[in-house]
Amino acid sequence: MKINIKTVAKKAGFSTATVSRVLADYPGVKENTRTKVLAIIKDLRYEVDSVARSLRQRKTYTIGIIVSNVLSPFYSTIAKSVEDKARESGYKLILCNGDDDPLKELEYLKILKSNKVDGIILTPTGKNAEYINNIIESGINVVLLDRLVDGVKCDSVLVDNYKGSFTAVKYLISRGYKKIAFIGGYTDRTTGRQRLNGYNKAIKDDGLKINNDLIKIGDFKKESGARLTKELLEGAHIPDAIFSSNIDMTLGCLIAIKNAGLSIPEDIGIVGFDDPDWSIIADSPLTAISQPVYLLGLKATEILIKNINDKKSFSGNKPSIITLGTSLIIRNSTR
């Protein structure tokens, strides 16, 4: 016997419309009605035809996320929080690794659009504004995560990169460090630019001179952090402390310091932006700027799903920017 929505409705004693509202989690359904229908669905082992439901409701109950580096603990935590919230809300997740590559990002944006996802969470490279706007205009909701894109009008969830970086460098100055180096990533991304700006502001506020030889810009990856730290330690202006502005670059920085035979904090101090699990088990537990990574993904997903359900578009509407705070976690990697 073929089990369909009519079979469920007949056995429950309700209309097919009522059963459909239960399946769609419609808020106006009485609780005893919902309980009875769900019990019968379980008893009959009825499986919802997701394709048919999508055609009826013009929704695929699928969202996509494009992260910059799926191997990074930062982005894997974000992906986990997005998946948790999506599943809780009845949505499936398509995870894409953009690799901070604009062409790869564009390819995934096109794939997600062609798969008719209901929404996209994006940690952008900042290079595909025109196509992101095209996606938004097509009716697909987009929420930017961790970074902004000039010319793109959609909701965003960020952390206060500027203040976090400023706080880190001010702390190093308070511990007596004078030659503080900065290791960061792409300054054409808002995260990289804001963290460098926070560093510069802290240096200037204390009356120290900005030394461009102590500022090293890479690509936010571990190998880059190691290479740039090696350059600093072998250069003409050897720092007495380093502020590393990204979780993966910090790991590379620590490896380079160890390879150079230096001790933390006896020979050099370090503060990292991001507070990974391994911070507390490093040879000298890492002083770090902690950001609410799981909450970052959670908030972005909540906003995206609300916008999907409310059929929110941004023609004539002002997008919201939510900025989450950071905190300084003091351990033993500075004197």
Protein backbone atom coordinates (compact mmCIF):
# COMPACT_ATOMS: atom_id res chain seq x y z
CA MET A 1 0.00 0.00 0.00
CA LYS A 2 1.37 3.41 -1.00
CA ILE A 3 1.51 5.81 1.94
CA ASN A 4 0.94 9.45 1.05
CA ILE A 5 -0.34 12.61 2.68
CA LYS A 6 -3.95 11.64 1.93
CA THR A 7 -3.46 8.35 3.82
CA VAL A 8 -2.13 10.23 6.83
CA ALA A 9 -4.99 12.76 6.71
CA LYS A 10 -7.66 10.03 6.48
CA LYS A 11 -6.29 8.07 9.46
CA ALA A 12 -5.82 11.24 11.54
CA GLY A 13 -9.28 12.55 10.74
CA PHE A 14 -7.96 15.85 9.46
CA SER A 15 -7.73 17.53 6.06
CA THR A 16 -4.64 17.20 3.89
CA ALA A 17 -4.16 20.96 4.40
CA THR A 18 -3.89 20.43 8.17
CA VAL A 19 -1.34 17.63 7.71
CA SER A 20 0.64 19.87 5.34
CA ARG A 21 0.69 22.64 7.95
CA VAL A 22 2.04 20.18 10.54
CA LEU A 23 4.77 19.02 8.12
CA ALA A 24 5.70 22.65 7.40
CA ASP A 25 5.80 23.40 11.16
CA TYR A 26 3.10 26.04 10.68
CA PRO A 27 2.79 28.10 13.90
CA GLY A 28 -1.04 28.23 13.94
CA VAL A 29 -1.59 24.47 14.41
CA LYS A 30 -2.98 23.35 17.78
CA GLU A 31 -0.53 21.28 19.82
CA ASN A 32 -2.85 18.26 20.24
CA THR A 33 -3.46 18.24 16.47
CA ARG A 34 0.27 18.39 15.78
CA THR A 35 0.98 15.59 18.28
CA LYS A 36 -1.69 13.31 16.76
CA VAL A 37 -0.58 13.86 13.17
CA LEU A 38 3.11 13.29 14.00
CA ALA A 39 2.24 10.07 15.87
CA ILE A 40 0.33 8.73 12.85
CA ILE A 41 3.17 9.73 10.51
CA LYS A 42 5.55 7.73 12.70
CA ASP A 43 3.14 4.78 12.92
CA LEU A 44 2.65 4.66 9.13
CA ARG A 45 6.38 5.29 8.52
CA TYR A 46 5.44 8.03 6.11
CA GLU A 47 8.42 9.73 4.46
CA VAL A 48 7.96 13.25 3.16
CA ASP A 49 8.63 13.68 -0.56
CA SER A 50 11.08 16.58 -0.28
CA VAL A 51 11.00 17.30 -4.03
CA ALA A 52 7.21 17.55 -4.08
CA ARG A 53 7.28 19.68 -0.93
CA SER A 54 9.83 22.00 -2.52
CA LEU A 55 7.67 22.44 -5.61
CA ARG A 56 4.59 23.18 -3.51
CA GLN A 57 6.28 25.64 -1.18
CA ARG A 58 8.91 26.97 -3.61
CA LYS A 59 11.57 26.18 -1.03
CA THR A 60 14.31 23.55 -1.06
CA TYR A 61 14.95 23.68 2.71
CA THR A 62 18.63 23.81 1.83
CA ILE A 63 21.19 26.50 2.65
CA GLY A 64 24.79 26.78 1.55
CA ILE A 65 27.87 28.03 3.36
CA ILE A 66 31.16 29.02 1.74
CA VAL A 67 34.06 29.21 4.21
CA SER A 68 37.57 30.44 3.55
CA ASN A 69 39.47 27.42 4.84
CA VAL A 70 37.64 24.28 5.96
CA LEU A 71 40.80 22.95 7.63
CA SER A 72 41.01 25.92 10.00
CA PRO A 73 39.57 25.34 13.51
CA PHE A 74 37.89 28.74 13.20
CA TYR A 75 35.94 27.85 10.07
CA SER A 76 35.25 24.24 11.06
CA THR A 77 33.66 25.53 14.28
CA ILE A 78 31.58 27.99 12.26
CA ALA A 79 30.49 25.21 9.88
CA LYS A 80 29.46 23.08 12.87
CA SER A 81 27.38 25.86 14.43
CA VAL A 82 25.68 26.63 11.10
CA GLU A 83 24.86 22.95 10.59
CA ASP A 84 23.50 22.60 14.15
CA LYS A 85 21.15 25.56 13.75
CA ALA A 86 20.14 24.58 10.21
CA ARG A 87 19.20 21.04 11.24
CA GLU A 88 17.30 22.33 14.26
CA SER A 89 15.30 24.54 11.87
CA GLY A 90 14.61 21.78 9.34
CA TYR A 91 17.23 22.78 6.76
CA LYS A 92 20.00 20.79 5.09
CA LEU A 93 23.46 22.29 4.66
CA ILE A 94 25.81 22.31 1.67
CA LEU A 95 29.38 23.09 2.80
CA CYS A 96 31.81 24.64 0.30
CA ASN A 97 35.50 25.43 0.82
CA GLY A 98 36.27 28.68 -0.98
CA ASP A 99 39.97 28.58 0.00
CA ASP A 100 40.08 32.41 -0.01
CA ASP A 101 40.19 32.12 -3.82
CA PRO A 102 37.84 34.55 -5.65
CA LEU A 103 37.48 32.24 -8.67
CA LYS A 104 36.69 29.22 -6.50
CA GLU A 105 34.25 31.32 -4.48
CA LEU A 106 32.49 32.43 -7.67
CA GLU A 107 32.27 28.81 -8.87
CA TYR A 108 30.59 27.74 -5.62
CA LEU A 109 28.23 30.73 -5.68
CA LYS A 110 27.08 29.65 -9.14
CA ILE A 111 26.64 26.03 -8.01
CA LEU A 112 24.57 27.04 -4.98
CA LYS A 113 22.41 29.32 -7.10
CA SER A 114 21.81 26.61 -9.71
CA ASN A 115 20.85 24.21 -6.92
CA LYS A 116 18.22 26.77 -5.84
CA VAL A 117 19.30 26.94 -2.21
CA ASP A 118 17.07 29.10 -0.04
CA GLY A 119 20.00 31.06 1.37
CA ILE A 120 23.78 31.39 1.52
CA ILE A 121 26.17 32.21 4.37
CA LEU A 122 29.42 33.54 2.98
CA THR A 123 32.85 34.44 4.38
CA PRO A 124 33.72 36.52 1.32
CA THR A 125 36.94 37.30 -0.50
CA GLY A 126 35.45 40.69 -1.36
CA LYS A 127 36.02 40.16 -5.09
CA ASN A 128 32.58 38.96 -6.27
CA ALA A 129 30.28 41.81 -5.28
CA GLU A 130 28.50 41.92 -8.64
CA TYR A 131 27.58 38.24 -8.61
CA ILE A 132 26.55 38.28 -4.94
CA ASN A 133 24.17 41.13 -5.77
CA ASN A 134 22.90 39.09 -8.70
CA ILE A 135 22.12 36.22 -6.31
CA ILE A 136 20.31 38.54 -3.90
CA GLU A 137 18.28 40.04 -6.75
CA SER A 138 17.27 36.53 -7.83
CA GLY A 139 15.52 36.08 -4.47
CA ILE A 140 18.16 34.03 -2.63
CA ASN A 141 18.97 35.44 0.82
CA VAL A 142 22.63 36.02 1.67
CA VAL A 143 24.27 36.72 5.03
CA LEU A 144 27.92 37.76 5.15
CA LEU A 145 29.98 36.28 7.95
CA ASP A 146 33.18 37.65 9.50
CA ARG A 147 33.80 40.06 6.59
CA LEU A 148 32.00 42.78 4.65
CA VAL A 149 31.96 43.41 0.90
CA ASP A 150 31.78 46.95 -0.48
CA GLY A 151 28.65 47.46 -2.57
CA VAL A 152 26.78 44.40 -1.28
CA LYS A 153 23.54 45.11 0.55
CA CYS A 154 22.68 42.25 2.93
CA ASP A 155 22.78 41.39 6.64
CA SER A 156 26.17 40.64 8.19
CA VAL A 157 27.54 39.15 11.40
CA LEU A 158 31.04 40.22 12.43
CA VAL A 159 33.36 40.45 15.40
CA ASP A 160 35.01 43.66 16.56
CA ASN A 161 38.35 43.03 14.87
CA TYR A 162 39.63 46.56 15.37
CA LYS A 163 39.03 46.66 19.12
CA GLY A 164 40.31 43.11 19.63
CA SER A 165 43.56 43.91 17.86
CA PHE A 166 43.93 47.24 19.69
CA THR A 167 43.43 45.48 23.04
CA ALA A 168 46.05 42.82 22.23
CA VAL A 169 48.74 45.34 21.31
CA LYS A 170 47.95 47.64 24.25
CA TYR A 171 48.41 44.65 26.54
CA LEU A 172 51.84 43.88 25.02
CA ILE A 173 52.83 47.53 25.50
CA SER A 174 51.67 47.37 29.13
CA ARG A 175 54.03 44.42 29.67
CA GLY A 176 57.00 46.57 28.60
CA TYR A 177 57.40 45.46 24.98
CA LYS A 178 58.63 48.16 22.57
CA LYS A 179 59.42 46.35 19.31
CA ILE A 180 56.07 44.69 18.61
CA ALA A 181 55.67 42.97 15.25
CA PHE A 182 52.39 42.35 13.43
CA ILE A 183 51.68 39.23 11.38
CA GLY A 184 48.43 39.38 9.42
CA GLY A 185 46.56 38.33 6.31
CA TYR A 186 45.04 39.98 3.26
CA THR A 187 44.46 43.67 4.00
CA ASP A 188 41.96 43.89 1.12
CA ARG A 189 39.64 41.80 3.37
CA THR A 190 37.93 43.69 6.20
CA THR A 191 39.30 41.34 8.88
CA GLY A 192 42.91 41.81 7.82
CA ARG A 193 42.52 45.55 7.37
CA GLN A 194 40.73 46.17 10.68
CA ARG A 195 43.22 44.10 12.67
CA LEU A 196 46.14 46.00 11.14
CA ASN A 197 44.37 49.29 11.87
CA GLY A 198 43.90 48.27 15.51
CA TYR A 199 47.62 47.44 15.77
CA ASN A 200 48.62 50.79 14.24
CA LYS A 201 46.29 52.73 16.54
CA ALA A 202 47.69 51.07 19.69
CA ILE A 203 51.28 51.75 18.60
CA LYS A 204 50.55 55.42 17.83
CA ASP A 205 48.54 55.98 21.01
CA ASP A 206 51.52 54.96 23.11
CA GLY A 207 53.86 57.30 21.25
CA LEU A 208 55.79 54.45 19.63
CA LYS A 209 56.91 54.73 16.03
CA ILE A 210 55.36 52.41 13.44
CA ASN A 211 58.16 50.37 11.88
CA ASN A 212 57.06 48.88 8.56
CA ASP A 213 59.84 46.30 8.85
CA LEU A 214 57.88 44.81 11.78
CA ILE A 215 54.65 44.49 9.77
CA LYS A 216 54.32 41.30 7.75
CA ILE A 217 51.30 40.50 5.58
CA GLY A 218 50.53 36.98 4.37
CA ASP A 219 47.48 34.90 3.54
CA PHE A 220 46.00 33.85 6.93
CA LYS A 221 47.48 30.32 6.64
CA LYS A 222 49.89 28.41 8.90
CA GLU A 223 52.70 28.22 6.33
CA SER A 224 52.50 31.98 5.84
CA GLY A 225 52.72 32.56 9.59
CA ALA A 226 55.83 30.40 9.85
CA ARG A 227 57.54 32.04 6.87
CA LEU A 228 56.82 35.59 8.00
CA THR A 229 57.98 34.88 11.56
CA LYS A 230 61.23 33.43 10.21
CA GLU A 231 61.73 36.62 8.20
CA LEU A 232 61.20 38.72 11.33
CA LEU A 233 63.61 36.67 13.43
CA GLU A 234 66.30 36.84 10.73
CA GLY A 235 65.76 40.49 9.82
CA ALA A 236 67.56 43.68 10.78
CA HIS A 237 64.81 44.66 13.27
CA ILE A 238 64.18 41.66 15.51
CA PRO A 239 60.97 42.08 17.53
CA ASP A 240 60.68 41.51 21.26
CA ALA A 241 57.01 40.52 20.82
CA ILE A 242 54.66 39.43 18.05
CA PHE A 243 50.93 39.99 17.62
CA SER A 244 49.65 37.28 15.28
CA SER A 245 46.24 38.20 13.94
CA ASN A 246 44.86 34.80 12.94
CA ILE A 247 44.59 31.32 14.49
CA ASP A 248 46.43 29.47 11.70
CA MET A 249 49.18 32.07 11.35
CA THR A 250 49.71 31.91 15.12
CA LEU A 251 50.40 28.18 14.91
CA GLY A 252 52.95 28.81 12.16
CA CYS A 253 54.47 31.60 14.25
CA LEU A 254 54.93 29.29 17.26
CA ILE A 255 56.55 26.63 15.06
CA ALA A 256 59.03 29.19 13.63
CA ILE A 257 59.91 30.50 17.10
CA LYS A 258 60.57 26.95 18.31
CA ASN A 259 62.66 26.13 15.21
CA ALA A 260 64.75 29.24 15.91
CA GLY A 261 65.58 27.85 19.37
CA LEU A 262 63.84 30.70 21.18
CA SER A 263 61.78 30.43 24.35
CA ILE A 264 58.40 32.06 25.05
CA PRO A 265 58.20 34.41 26.92
CA GLU A 266 61.87 34.56 27.98
CA ASP A 267 63.15 35.48 24.50
CA ILE A 268 60.03 36.76 22.81
CA GLY A 269 56.39 37.41 23.73
CA ILE A 270 53.36 36.53 21.65
CA VAL A 271 49.63 37.26 21.63
CA GLY A 272 47.31 35.62 19.11
CA PHE A 273 43.96 36.64 17.69
CA ASP A 274 41.65 33.62 18.25
CA ASP A 275 41.79 31.27 21.21
CA PRO A 276 41.99 27.67 19.92
CA ASP A 277 41.77 24.60 22.17
CA TRP A 278 45.51 24.04 21.88
CA SER A 279 46.24 27.47 23.43
CA ILE A 280 46.32 26.05 26.95
CA ILE A 281 48.63 23.11 26.14
CA ALA A 282 51.32 25.08 24.28
CA ASP A 283 54.76 25.08 25.95
CA SER A 284 53.82 28.53 27.23
CA PRO A 285 50.00 28.73 27.27
CA LEU A 286 48.96 31.39 24.78
CA THR A 287 47.63 34.81 25.70
CA ALA A 288 44.92 35.40 23.13
CA ILE A 289 42.03 37.48 21.90
CA SER A 290 39.02 35.20 22.18
CA GLN A 291 36.10 35.66 19.82
CA PRO A 292 32.72 33.89 20.08
CA VAL A 293 33.23 31.65 17.05
CA TYR A 294 30.32 29.23 17.58
CA LEU A 295 27.96 32.13 18.29
CA LEU A 296 29.14 33.86 15.12
CA GLY A 297 27.86 31.00 12.94
CA LEU A 298 24.75 30.54 15.05
CA LYS A 299 23.70 34.19 14.74
CA ALA A 300 24.31 34.22 11.00
CA THR A 301 22.13 31.13 10.54
CA GLU A 302 19.35 32.49 12.75
CA ILE A 303 19.26 35.69 10.68
CA LEU A 304 19.37 33.81 7.37
CA ILE A 305 16.52 31.44 8.24
CA LYS A 306 14.42 34.29 9.64
CA ASN A 307 14.93 36.25 6.42
CA ILE A 308 13.98 33.19 4.36
CA ASN A 309 10.82 32.59 6.37
CA ASP A 310 9.90 36.29 6.35
CA LYS A 311 10.66 36.50 2.61
CA LYS A 312 12.86 39.50 3.39
CA SER A 313 14.56 41.26 0.53
CA PHE A 314 16.78 44.34 0.61
CA SER A 315 15.20 46.46 -2.09
CA GLY A 316 14.63 49.64 -0.13
CA ASN A 317 15.50 48.03 3.21
CA LYS A 318 18.60 48.80 5.24
CA PRO A 319 20.62 45.68 6.10
CA SER A 320 21.73 45.06 9.66
CA ILE A 321 25.30 44.56 10.84
CA ILE A 322 25.69 42.63 14.09
CA THR A 323 29.12 43.03 15.70
CA LEU A 324 30.10 40.63 18.48
CA GLY A 325 32.69 41.54 21.09
CA THR A 326 36.03 39.90 21.87
CA SER A 327 37.89 39.36 25.15
CA LEU A 328 41.54 39.18 26.20
CA ILE A 329 42.53 35.84 27.77
CA ILE A 330 45.77 36.30 29.72
CA ARG A 331 48.08 33.30 30.05
CA ASN A 332 51.86 32.87 30.06
CA SER A 333 53.12 33.78 26.58
CA THR A 334 54.20 37.28 27.64
CA ARG A 335 56.48 38.41 30.44
